[in-house]
Amino acid sequence: MTNQAMMHFKSQVFLILSEVPLGECIAYGELAKQAGFPGYARQVGYLMKNLPNDSKLPWFRVVNAQHKISFAENTDAYWKQRNHLEKEGWVIIGNKLMVNERSKK
């Protein structure tokens, strides 16, 4: 991917991610597809992994296609993502997002 294409990919991913509503999640592959780059799920993961710690983007709303947190359980990154998601109403068992309690109301 050229630098220009990479910048376009990155800006599209960040734009789509910034519009994911509170209490909802999106899969890496779906985010790539909506950004116009189907098949680039791993690259989306790379972008999420390399966001600055002070980023305001809701990176924690990005999960894998099985609706699971991709970080290994009990790591700092896993707990950070899980805590964010639980604050938004998600019930999580292990690493699987089960239901959003707020969306049931």
PDB file of N, CA and C in Angstrom:
ATOM      1  N   MET A   1       0.854  -1.168   0.000  1.00  0.00           N
ATOM      2  CA  MET A   1       0.000   0.000   0.000  1.00  0.00           C
ATOM      3  C   MET A   1       0.904   1.237   0.000  1.00  0.00           C
ATOM      4  N   THR A   2       0.651   2.158  -0.900  1.00  0.00           N
ATOM      5  CA  THR A   2       1.436   3.390  -0.952  1.00  0.00           C
ATOM      6  C   THR A   2       1.142   4.245   0.277  1.00  0.00           C
ATOM      7  N   ASN A   3       1.991   5.209   0.539  1.00  0.00           N
ATOM      8  CA  ASN A   3       1.758   6.114   1.669  1.00  0.00           C
ATOM      9  C   ASN A   3       0.428   6.832   1.543  1.00  0.00           C
ATOM     10  N   GLN A   4       0.096   7.268   0.320  1.00  0.00           N
ATOM     11  CA  GLN A   4      -1.157   7.976   0.101  1.00  0.00           C
ATOM     12  C   GLN A   4      -2.350   7.052   0.367  1.00  0.00           C
ATOM     13  N   ALA A   5      -2.265   5.819  -0.119  1.00  0.00           N
ATOM     14  CA  ALA A   5      -3.339   4.854   0.113  1.00  0.00           C
ATOM     15  C   ALA A   5      -3.464   4.537   1.601  1.00  0.00           C
ATOM     16  N   MET A   6      -2.328   4.423   2.284  1.00  0.00           N
ATOM     17  CA  MET A   6      -2.342   4.143   3.714  1.00  0.00           C
ATOM     18  C   MET A   6      -2.981   5.288   4.492  1.00  0.00           C
ATOM     19  N   MET A   7      -2.680   6.503   4.118  1.00  0.00           N
ATOM     20  CA  MET A   7      -3.285   7.674   4.781  1.00  0.00           C
ATOM     21  C   MET A   7      -4.789   7.697   4.556  1.00  0.00           C
ATOM     22  N   HIS A   8      -5.221   7.367   3.330  1.00  0.00           N
ATOM     23  CA  HIS A   8      -6.652   7.321   3.024  1.00  0.00           C
ATOM     24  C   HIS A   8      -7.323   6.225   3.854  1.00  0.00           C
ATOM     25  N   PHE A   9      -6.722   5.037   3.891  1.00  0.00           N
ATOM     26  CA  PHE A   9      -7.236   3.920   4.683  1.00  0.00           C
ATOM     27  C   PHE A   9      -7.376   4.331   6.148  1.00  0.00           C
ATOM     28  N   LYS A  10      -6.325   4.885   6.681  1.00  0.00           N
ATOM     29  CA  LYS A  10      -6.301   5.293   8.086  1.00  0.00           C
ATOM     30  C   LYS A  10      -7.381   6.331   8.383  1.00  0.00           C
ATOM     31  N   SER A  11      -7.506   7.333   7.536  1.00  0.00           N
ATOM     32  CA  SER A  11      -8.500   8.377   7.782  1.00  0.00           C
ATOM     33  C   SER A  11      -9.923   7.829   7.675  1.00  0.00           C
ATOM     34  N   GLN A  12     -10.149   6.906   6.734  1.00  0.00           N
ATOM     35  CA  GLN A  12     -11.480   6.314   6.589  1.00  0.00           C
ATOM     36  C   GLN A  12     -11.817   5.442   7.800  1.00  0.00           C
ATOM     37  N   VAL A  13     -10.866   4.654   8.254  1.00  0.00           N
ATOM     38  CA  VAL A  13     -11.086   3.800   9.430  1.00  0.00           C
ATOM     39  C   VAL A  13     -11.401   4.667  10.645  1.00  0.00           C
ATOM     40  N   PHE A  14     -10.629   5.709  10.841  1.00  0.00           N
ATOM     41  CA  PHE A  14     -10.845   6.581  12.002  1.00  0.00           C
ATOM     42  C   PHE A  14     -12.182   7.313  11.904  1.00  0.00           C
ATOM     43  N   LEU A  15     -12.576   7.713  10.714  1.00  0.00           N
ATOM     44  CA  LEU A  15     -13.866   8.379  10.528  1.00  0.00           C
ATOM     45  C   LEU A  15     -15.011   7.433  10.880  1.00  0.00           C
ATOM     46  N   ILE A  16     -14.993   6.230  10.338  1.00  0.00           N
ATOM     47  CA  ILE A  16     -16.047   5.244  10.621  1.00  0.00           C
ATOM     48  C   ILE A  16     -16.069   4.926  12.118  1.00  0.00           C
ATOM     49  N   LEU A  17     -14.896   4.684  12.694  1.00  0.00           N
ATOM     50  CA  LEU A  17     -14.815   4.358  14.116  1.00  0.00           C
ATOM     51  C   LEU A  17     -15.389   5.484  14.972  1.00  0.00           C
ATOM     52  N   SER A  18     -15.103   6.713  14.614  1.00  0.00           N
ATOM     53  CA  SER A  18     -15.598   7.845  15.404  1.00  0.00           C
ATOM     54  C   SER A  18     -17.121   7.931  15.398  1.00  0.00           C
ATOM     55  N   GLU A  19     -17.757   7.275  14.435  1.00  0.00           N
ATOM     56  CA  GLU A  19     -19.219   7.321  14.317  1.00  0.00           C
ATOM     57  C   GLU A  19     -19.922   6.093  14.892  1.00  0.00           C
ATOM     58  N   VAL A  20     -19.161   5.140  15.445  1.00  0.00           N
ATOM     59  CA  VAL A  20     -19.789   3.974  16.078  1.00  0.00           C
ATOM     60  C   VAL A  20     -20.457   4.470  17.360  1.00  0.00           C
ATOM     61  N   PRO A  21     -21.784   4.305  17.464  1.00  0.00           N
ATOM     62  CA  PRO A  21     -22.504   4.866  18.610  1.00  0.00           C
ATOM     63  C   PRO A  21     -22.160   4.198  19.944  1.00  0.00           C
ATOM     64  N   LEU A  22     -22.337   4.950  20.997  1.00  0.00           N
ATOM     65  CA  LEU A  22     -22.184   4.455  22.349  1.00  0.00           C
ATOM     66  C   LEU A  22     -23.029   3.193  22.508  1.00  0.00           C
ATOM     67  N   GLY A  23     -22.450   2.157  23.090  1.00  0.00           N
ATOM     68  CA  GLY A  23     -23.185   0.922  23.331  1.00  0.00           C
ATOM     69  C   GLY A  23     -23.204  -0.054  22.176  1.00  0.00           C
ATOM     70  N   GLU A  24     -22.588   0.304  21.051  1.00  0.00           N
ATOM     71  CA  GLU A  24     -22.518  -0.606  19.916  1.00  0.00           C
ATOM     72  C   GLU A  24     -21.064  -0.978  19.659  1.00  0.00           C
ATOM     73  N   CYS A  25     -20.881  -2.072  18.938  1.00  0.00           N
ATOM     74  CA  CYS A  25     -19.540  -2.528  18.578  1.00  0.00           C
ATOM     75  C   CYS A  25     -19.490  -2.823  17.088  1.00  0.00           C
ATOM     76  N   ILE A  26     -18.284  -2.919  16.573  1.00  0.00           N
ATOM     77  CA  ILE A  26     -18.063  -3.231  15.169  1.00  0.00           C
ATOM     78  C   ILE A  26     -16.881  -4.195  15.089  1.00  0.00           C
ATOM     79  N   ALA A  27     -16.953  -5.144  14.167  1.00  0.00           N
ATOM     80  CA  ALA A  27     -15.857  -6.092  13.980  1.00  0.00           C
ATOM     81  C   ALA A  27     -14.755  -5.448  13.146  1.00  0.00           C
ATOM     82  N   TYR A  28     -13.542  -5.921  13.340  1.00  0.00           N
ATOM     83  CA  TYR A  28     -12.404  -5.411  12.579  1.00  0.00           C
ATOM     84  C   TYR A  28     -12.683  -5.460  11.076  1.00  0.00           C
ATOM     85  N   GLY A  29     -13.166  -6.602  10.605  1.00  0.00           N
ATOM     86  CA  GLY A  29     -13.442  -6.774   9.179  1.00  0.00           C
ATOM     87  C   GLY A  29     -14.539  -5.871   8.675  1.00  0.00           C
ATOM     88  N   GLU A  30     -15.565  -5.682   9.474  1.00  0.00           N
ATOM     89  CA  GLU A  30     -16.665  -4.796   9.077  1.00  0.00           C
ATOM     90  C   GLU A  30     -16.191  -3.352   9.021  1.00  0.00           C
ATOM     91  N   LEU A  31     -15.348  -2.972   9.944  1.00  0.00           N
ATOM     92  CA  LEU A  31     -14.789  -1.618   9.939  1.00  0.00           C
ATOM     93  C   LEU A  31     -13.960  -1.402   8.679  1.00  0.00           C
ATOM     94  N   ALA A  32     -13.144  -2.379   8.329  1.00  0.00           N
ATOM     95  CA  ALA A  32     -12.345  -2.289   7.100  1.00  0.00           C
ATOM     96  C   ALA A  32     -13.252  -2.199   5.872  1.00  0.00           C
ATOM     97  N   LYS A  33     -14.279  -3.025   5.837  1.00  0.00           N
ATOM     98  CA  LYS A  33     -15.216  -3.032   4.708  1.00  0.00           C
ATOM     99  C   LYS A  33     -15.925  -1.681   4.563  1.00  0.00           C
ATOM    100  N   GLN A  34     -16.439  -1.153   5.668  1.00  0.00           N
ATOM    101  CA  GLN A  34     -17.132   0.139   5.627  1.00  0.00           C
ATOM    102  C   GLN A  34     -16.187   1.273   5.238  1.00  0.00           C
ATOM    103  N   ALA A  35     -14.918   1.118   5.539  1.00  0.00           N
ATOM    104  CA  ALA A  35     -13.920   2.128   5.176  1.00  0.00           C
ATOM    105  C   ALA A  35     -13.528   2.021   3.702  1.00  0.00           C
ATOM    106  N   GLY A  36     -14.022   0.969   3.024  1.00  0.00           N
ATOM    107  CA  GLY A  36     -13.721   0.804   1.607  1.00  0.00           C
ATOM    108  C   GLY A  36     -12.547  -0.116   1.336  1.00  0.00           C
ATOM    109  N   PHE A  37     -12.133  -0.875   2.345  1.00  0.00           N
ATOM    110  CA  PHE A  37     -10.984  -1.763   2.220  1.00  0.00           C
ATOM    111  C   PHE A  37     -11.330  -3.165   2.729  1.00  0.00           C
ATOM    112  N   PRO A  38     -12.252  -3.864   2.053  1.00  0.00           N
ATOM    113  CA  PRO A  38     -12.587  -5.213   2.511  1.00  0.00           C
ATOM    114  C   PRO A  38     -11.343  -6.102   2.506  1.00  0.00           C
ATOM    115  N   GLY A  39     -11.255  -6.962   3.498  1.00  0.00           N
ATOM    116  CA  GLY A  39     -10.105  -7.847   3.598  1.00  0.00           C
ATOM    117  C   GLY A  39      -8.946  -7.267   4.393  1.00  0.00           C
ATOM    118  N   TYR A  40      -9.105  -6.090   4.948  1.00  0.00           N
ATOM    119  CA  TYR A  40      -8.025  -5.430   5.677  1.00  0.00           C
ATOM    120  C   TYR A  40      -8.261  -5.423   7.190  1.00  0.00           C
ATOM    121  N   ALA A  41      -8.895  -6.474   7.705  1.00  0.00           N
ATOM    122  CA  ALA A  41      -9.186  -6.546   9.143  1.00  0.00           C
ATOM    123  C   ALA A  41      -7.918  -6.486   9.988  1.00  0.00           C
ATOM    124  N   ARG A  42      -6.887  -7.194   9.566  1.00  0.00           N
ATOM    125  CA  ARG A  42      -5.633  -7.197  10.350  1.00  0.00           C
ATOM    126  C   ARG A  42      -5.012  -5.802  10.408  1.00  0.00           C
ATOM    127  N   GLN A  43      -5.125  -5.083   9.310  1.00  0.00           N
ATOM    128  CA  GLN A  43      -4.571  -3.728   9.285  1.00  0.00           C
ATOM    129  C   GLN A  43      -5.368  -2.807  10.222  1.00  0.00           C
ATOM    130  N   VAL A  44      -6.677  -3.038  10.314  1.00  0.00           N
ATOM    131  CA  VAL A  44      -7.481  -2.276  11.274  1.00  0.00           C
ATOM    132  C   VAL A  44      -6.986  -2.581  12.685  1.00  0.00           C
ATOM    133  N   GLY A  45      -6.751  -3.854  12.967  1.00  0.00           N
ATOM    134  CA  GLY A  45      -6.221  -4.237  14.278  1.00  0.00           C
ATOM    135  C   GLY A  45      -4.893  -3.560  14.570  1.00  0.00           C
ATOM    136  N   TYR A  46      -4.041  -3.476  13.562  1.00  0.00           N
ATOM    137  CA  TYR A  46      -2.755  -2.810  13.722  1.00  0.00           C
ATOM    138  C   TYR A  46      -2.956  -1.330  14.070  1.00  0.00           C
ATOM    139  N   LEU A  47      -3.898  -0.680  13.377  1.00  0.00           N
ATOM    140  CA  LEU A  47      -4.173   0.726  13.679  1.00  0.00           C
ATOM    141  C   LEU A  47      -4.665   0.893  15.117  1.00  0.00           C
ATOM    142  N   MET A  48      -5.573   0.002  15.535  1.00  0.00           N
ATOM    143  CA  MET A  48      -6.117   0.096  16.895  1.00  0.00           C
ATOM    144  C   MET A  48      -5.002  -0.110  17.929  1.00  0.00           C
ATOM    145  N   LYS A  49      -4.143  -1.071  17.670  1.00  0.00           N
ATOM    146  CA  LYS A  49      -3.049  -1.393  18.590  1.00  0.00           C
ATOM    147  C   LYS A  49      -2.076  -0.227  18.737  1.00  0.00           C
ATOM    148  N   ASN A  50      -1.937   0.561  17.684  1.00  0.00           N
ATOM    149  CA  ASN A  50      -0.949   1.631  17.676  1.00  0.00           C
ATOM    150  C   ASN A  50      -1.521   3.033  17.887  1.00  0.00           C
ATOM    151  N   LEU A  51      -2.770   3.103  18.332  1.00  0.00           N
ATOM    152  CA  LEU A  51      -3.335   4.409  18.674  1.00  0.00           C
ATOM    153  C   LEU A  51      -2.601   4.981  19.881  1.00  0.00           C
ATOM    154  N   PRO A  52      -2.442   6.274  19.928  1.00  0.00           N
ATOM    155  CA  PRO A  52      -1.836   6.875  21.124  1.00  0.00           C
ATOM    156  C   PRO A  52      -2.712   6.597  22.349  1.00  0.00           C
ATOM    157  N   ASN A  53      -2.104   6.470  23.506  1.00  0.00           N
ATOM    158  CA  ASN A  53      -2.849   6.195  24.738  1.00  0.00           C
ATOM    159  C   ASN A  53      -3.914   7.244  25.041  1.00  0.00           C
ATOM    160  N   ASP A  54      -3.695   8.468  24.594  1.00  0.00           N
ATOM    161  CA  ASP A  54      -4.651   9.534  24.883  1.00  0.00           C
ATOM    162  C   ASP A  54      -5.672   9.741  23.759  1.00  0.00           C
ATOM    163  N   SER A  55      -5.782   8.786  22.857  1.00  0.00           N
ATOM    164  CA  SER A  55      -6.724   8.903  21.740  1.00  0.00           C
ATOM    165  C   SER A  55      -8.162   8.969  22.256  1.00  0.00           C
ATOM    166  N   LYS A  56      -8.955   9.815  21.634  1.00  0.00           N
ATOM    167  CA  LYS A  56     -10.378   9.953  21.989  1.00  0.00           C
ATOM    168  C   LYS A  56     -11.253   9.006  21.162  1.00  0.00           C
ATOM    169  N   LEU A  57     -10.651   8.294  20.210  1.00  0.00           N
ATOM    170  CA  LEU A  57     -11.421   7.348  19.402  1.00  0.00           C
ATOM    171  C   LEU A  57     -11.881   6.169  20.256  1.00  0.00           C
ATOM    172  N   PRO A  58     -13.101   5.681  20.028  1.00  0.00           N
ATOM    173  CA  PRO A  58     -13.613   4.562  20.827  1.00  0.00           C
ATOM    174  C   PRO A  58     -13.077   3.214  20.336  1.00  0.00           C
ATOM    175  N   TRP A  59     -11.781   3.028  20.409  1.00  0.00           N
ATOM    176  CA  TRP A  59     -11.101   1.809  19.949  1.00  0.00           C
ATOM    177  C   TRP A  59     -11.675   0.556  20.596  1.00  0.00           C
ATOM    178  N   PHE A  60     -12.153   0.712  21.822  1.00  0.00           N
ATOM    179  CA  PHE A  60     -12.654  -0.428  22.593  1.00  0.00           C
ATOM    180  C   PHE A  60     -13.950  -0.997  22.017  1.00  0.00           C
ATOM    181  N   ARG A  61     -14.593  -0.294  21.105  1.00  0.00           N
ATOM    182  CA  ARG A  61     -15.814  -0.784  20.458  1.00  0.00           C
ATOM    183  C   ARG A  61     -15.514  -1.707  19.279  1.00  0.00           C
ATOM    184  N   VAL A  62     -14.251  -1.938  19.006  1.00  0.00           N
ATOM    185  CA  VAL A  62     -13.855  -2.829  17.910  1.00  0.00           C
ATOM    186  C   VAL A  62     -13.548  -4.202  18.507  1.00  0.00           C
ATOM    187  N   VAL A  63     -14.295  -5.201  18.034  1.00  0.00           N
ATOM    188  CA  VAL A  63     -14.143  -6.578  18.522  1.00  0.00           C
ATOM    189  C   VAL A  63     -13.969  -7.503  17.323  1.00  0.00           C
ATOM    190  N   ASN A  64     -13.699  -8.771  17.582  1.00  0.00           N
ATOM    191  CA  ASN A  64     -13.516  -9.677  16.456  1.00  0.00           C
ATOM    192  C   ASN A  64     -14.868 -10.163  15.906  1.00  0.00           C
ATOM    193  N   ALA A  65     -14.824 -10.918  14.842  1.00  0.00           N
ATOM    194  CA  ALA A  65     -16.037 -11.346  14.146  1.00  0.00           C
ATOM    195  C   ALA A  65     -16.914 -12.254  14.998  1.00  0.00           C
ATOM    196  N   GLN A  66     -16.338 -12.882  16.017  1.00  0.00           N
ATOM    197  CA  GLN A  66     -17.122 -13.726  16.924  1.00  0.00           C
ATOM    198  C   GLN A  66     -17.710 -12.929  18.085  1.00  0.00           C
ATOM    199  N   HIS A  67     -17.612 -11.620  18.004  1.00  0.00           N
ATOM    200  CA  HIS A  67     -18.110 -10.710  19.036  1.00  0.00           C
ATOM    201  C   HIS A  67     -17.355 -10.911  20.354  1.00  0.00           C
ATOM    202  N   LYS A  68     -16.041 -11.084  20.216  1.00  0.00           N
ATOM    203  CA  LYS A  68     -15.188 -11.299  21.377  1.00  0.00           C
ATOM    204  C   LYS A  68     -14.095 -10.247  21.443  1.00  0.00           C
ATOM    205  N   ILE A  69     -13.615 -10.010  22.650  1.00  0.00           N
ATOM    206  CA  ILE A  69     -12.430  -9.182  22.856  1.00  0.00           C
ATOM    207  C   ILE A  69     -11.238 -10.010  22.388  1.00  0.00           C
ATOM    208  N   SER A  70     -10.402  -9.426  21.554  1.00  0.00           N
ATOM    209  CA  SER A  70      -9.285 -10.178  20.975  1.00  0.00           C
ATOM    210  C   SER A  70      -8.065 -10.281  21.876  1.00  0.00           C
ATOM    211  N   PHE A  71      -7.947  -9.405  22.851  1.00  0.00           N
ATOM    212  CA  PHE A  71      -6.805  -9.478  23.761  1.00  0.00           C
ATOM    213  C   PHE A  71      -6.902 -10.742  24.611  1.00  0.00           C
ATOM    214  N   ALA A  72      -5.759 -11.291  24.982  1.00  0.00           N
ATOM    215  CA  ALA A  72      -5.737 -12.451  25.874  1.00  0.00           C
ATOM    216  C   ALA A  72      -6.389 -12.071  27.203  1.00  0.00           C
ATOM    217  N   GLU A  73      -7.212 -12.980  27.718  1.00  0.00           N
ATOM    218  CA  GLU A  73      -7.891 -12.712  28.984  1.00  0.00           C
ATOM    219  C   GLU A  73      -6.892 -12.438  30.094  1.00  0.00           C
ATOM    220  N   ASN A  74      -7.316 -11.531  30.974  1.00  0.00           N
ATOM    221  CA  ASN A  74      -6.555 -11.147  32.163  1.00  0.00           C
ATOM    222  C   ASN A  74      -5.292 -10.347  31.883  1.00  0.00           C
ATOM    223  N   THR A  75      -5.127  -9.855  30.657  1.00  0.00           N
ATOM    224  CA  THR A  75      -4.038  -8.916  30.392  1.00  0.00           C
ATOM    225  C   THR A  75      -4.555  -7.503  30.690  1.00  0.00           C
ATOM    226  N   ASP A  76      -3.652  -6.563  30.831  1.00  0.00           N
ATOM    227  CA  ASP A  76      -4.072  -5.180  31.079  1.00  0.00           C
ATOM    228  C   ASP A  76      -4.956  -4.661  29.954  1.00  0.00           C
ATOM    229  N   ALA A  77      -4.591  -4.961  28.702  1.00  0.00           N
ATOM    230  CA  ALA A  77      -5.371  -4.486  27.552  1.00  0.00           C
ATOM    231  C   ALA A  77      -6.771  -5.090  27.555  1.00  0.00           C
ATOM    232  N   TYR A  78      -6.876  -6.370  27.906  1.00  0.00           N
ATOM    233  CA  TYR A  78      -8.179  -7.039  27.994  1.00  0.00           C
ATOM    234  C   TYR A  78      -9.060  -6.326  29.018  1.00  0.00           C
ATOM    235  N   TRP A  79      -8.527  -6.085  30.210  1.00  0.00           N
ATOM    236  CA  TRP A  79      -9.315  -5.450  31.263  1.00  0.00           C
ATOM    237  C   TRP A  79      -9.685  -4.013  30.920  1.00  0.00           C
ATOM    238  N   LYS A  80      -8.790  -3.326  30.258  1.00  0.00           N
ATOM    239  CA  LYS A  80      -9.085  -1.945  29.851  1.00  0.00           C
ATOM    240  C   LYS A  80     -10.258  -1.934  28.876  1.00  0.00           C
ATOM    241  N   GLN A  81     -10.225  -2.814  27.860  1.00  0.00           N
ATOM    242  CA  GLN A  81     -11.319  -2.864  26.894  1.00  0.00           C
ATOM    243  C   GLN A  81     -12.606  -3.340  27.564  1.00  0.00           C
ATOM    244  N   ARG A  82     -12.505  -4.368  28.363  1.00  0.00           N
ATOM    245  CA  ARG A  82     -13.692  -4.902  29.034  1.00  0.00           C
ATOM    246  C   ARG A  82     -14.352  -3.834  29.914  1.00  0.00           C
ATOM    247  N   ASN A  83     -13.552  -3.096  30.677  1.00  0.00           N
ATOM    248  CA  ASN A  83     -14.102  -2.053  31.549  1.00  0.00           C
ATOM    249  C   ASN A  83     -14.842  -0.986  30.744  1.00  0.00           C
ATOM    250  N   HIS A  84     -14.264  -0.564  29.639  1.00  0.00           N
ATOM    251  CA  HIS A  84     -14.932   0.422  28.780  1.00  0.00           C
ATOM    252  C   HIS A  84     -16.272  -0.122  28.292  1.00  0.00           C
ATOM    253  N   LEU A  85     -16.273  -1.361  27.813  1.00  0.00           N
ATOM    254  CA  LEU A  85     -17.499  -1.953  27.270  1.00  0.00           C
ATOM    255  C   LEU A  85     -18.557  -2.151  28.350  1.00  0.00           C
ATOM    256  N   GLU A  86     -18.151  -2.585  29.523  1.00  0.00           N
ATOM    257  CA  GLU A  86     -19.111  -2.761  30.611  1.00  0.00           C
ATOM    258  C   GLU A  86     -19.727  -1.428  31.027  1.00  0.00           C
ATOM    259  N   LYS A  87     -18.950  -0.353  30.989  1.00  0.00           N
ATOM    260  CA  LYS A  87     -19.493   0.976  31.295  1.00  0.00           C
ATOM    261  C   LYS A  87     -20.569   1.377  30.290  1.00  0.00           C
ATOM    262  N   GLU A  88     -20.486   0.814  29.082  1.00  0.00           N
ATOM    263  CA  GLU A  88     -21.479   1.113  28.050  1.00  0.00           C
ATOM    264  C   GLU A  88     -22.635   0.108  28.054  1.00  0.00           C
ATOM    265  N   GLY A  89     -22.660  -0.761  29.067  1.00  0.00           N
ATOM    266  CA  GLY A  89     -23.796  -1.657  29.233  1.00  0.00           C
ATOM    267  C   GLY A  89     -23.611  -3.088  28.787  1.00  0.00           C
ATOM    268  N   TRP A  90     -22.434  -3.437  28.279  1.00  0.00           N
ATOM    269  CA  TRP A  90     -22.217  -4.800  27.791  1.00  0.00           C
ATOM    270  C   TRP A  90     -22.048  -5.783  28.937  1.00  0.00           C
ATOM    271  N   VAL A  91     -22.691  -6.954  28.805  1.00  0.00           N
ATOM    272  CA  VAL A  91     -22.454  -8.086  29.697  1.00  0.00           C
ATOM    273  C   VAL A  91     -21.440  -8.967  28.972  1.00  0.00           C
ATOM    274  N   ILE A  92     -20.335  -9.256  29.635  1.00  0.00           N
ATOM    275  CA  ILE A  92     -19.242 -10.008  29.009  1.00  0.00           C
ATOM    276  C   ILE A  92     -18.958 -11.241  29.856  1.00  0.00           C
ATOM    277  N   ILE A  93     -18.945 -12.382  29.197  1.00  0.00           N
ATOM    278  CA  ILE A  93     -18.596 -13.635  29.867  1.00  0.00           C
ATOM    279  C   ILE A  93     -17.322 -14.143  29.213  1.00  0.00           C
ATOM    280  N   GLY A  94     -16.254 -14.234  30.014  1.00  0.00           N
ATOM    281  CA  GLY A  94     -14.945 -14.561  29.452  1.00  0.00           C
ATOM    282  C   GLY A  94     -14.504 -13.401  28.579  1.00  0.00           C
ATOM    283  N   ASN A  95     -14.414 -13.642  27.279  1.00  0.00           N
ATOM    284  CA  ASN A  95     -14.077 -12.554  26.358  1.00  0.00           C
ATOM    285  C   ASN A  95     -15.213 -12.279  25.367  1.00  0.00           C
ATOM    286  N   LYS A  96     -16.365 -12.938  25.570  1.00  0.00           N
ATOM    287  CA  LYS A  96     -17.498 -12.847  24.645  1.00  0.00           C
ATOM    288  C   LYS A  96     -18.504 -11.799  25.105  1.00  0.00           C
ATOM    289  N   LEU A  97     -18.835 -10.864  24.203  1.00  0.00           N
ATOM    290  CA  LEU A  97     -19.868  -9.879  24.474  1.00  0.00           C
ATOM    291  C   LEU A  97     -21.214 -10.572  24.278  1.00  0.00           C
ATOM    292  N   MET A  98     -22.018 -10.623  25.333  1.00  0.00           N
ATOM    293  CA  MET A  98     -23.261 -11.376  25.289  1.00  0.00           C
ATOM    294  C   MET A  98     -24.443 -10.499  24.881  1.00  0.00           C
ATOM    295  N   VAL A  99     -24.647  -9.436  25.616  1.00  0.00           N
ATOM    296  CA  VAL A  99     -25.804  -8.572  25.369  1.00  0.00           C
ATOM    297  C   VAL A  99     -25.494  -7.203  25.951  1.00  0.00           C
ATOM    298  N   ASN A 100     -26.077  -6.197  25.327  1.00  0.00           N
ATOM    299  CA  ASN A 100     -25.950  -4.863  25.891  1.00  0.00           C
ATOM    300  C   ASN A 100     -27.223  -4.577  26.671  1.00  0.00           C
ATOM    301  N   GLU A 101     -27.110  -4.475  27.972  1.00  0.00           N
ATOM    302  CA  GLU A 101     -28.255  -4.258  28.863  1.00  0.00           C
ATOM    303  C   GLU A 101     -28.976  -2.958  28.548  1.00  0.00           C
ATOM    304  N   ARG A 102     -28.259  -1.958  28.112  1.00  0.00           N
ATOM    305  CA  ARG A 102     -28.896  -0.673  27.798  1.00  0.00           C
ATOM    306  C   ARG A 102     -29.767  -0.761  26.564  1.00  0.00           C
ATOM    307  N   SER A 103     -29.401  -1.614  25.608  1.00  0.00           N
ATOM    308  CA  SER A 103     -30.185  -1.705  24.378  1.00  0.00           C
ATOM    309  C   SER A 103     -31.463  -2.494  24.584  1.00  0.00           C
ATOM    310  N   LYS A 104     -31.572  -3.219  25.708  1.00  0.00           N
ATOM    311  CA  LYS A 104     -32.782  -4.001  25.993  1.00  0.00           C
ATOM    312  C   LYS A 104     -33.892  -3.128  26.542  1.00  0.00           C
ATOM    313  N   LYS A 105     -33.567  -1.942  27.010  1.00  0.00           N
ATOM    314  CA  LYS A 105     -34.564  -1.063  27.650  1.00  0.00           C
ATOM    315  C   LYS A 105     -35.388  -0.332  26.637  1.00  0.00           C
TER     316      LYS A 105
END
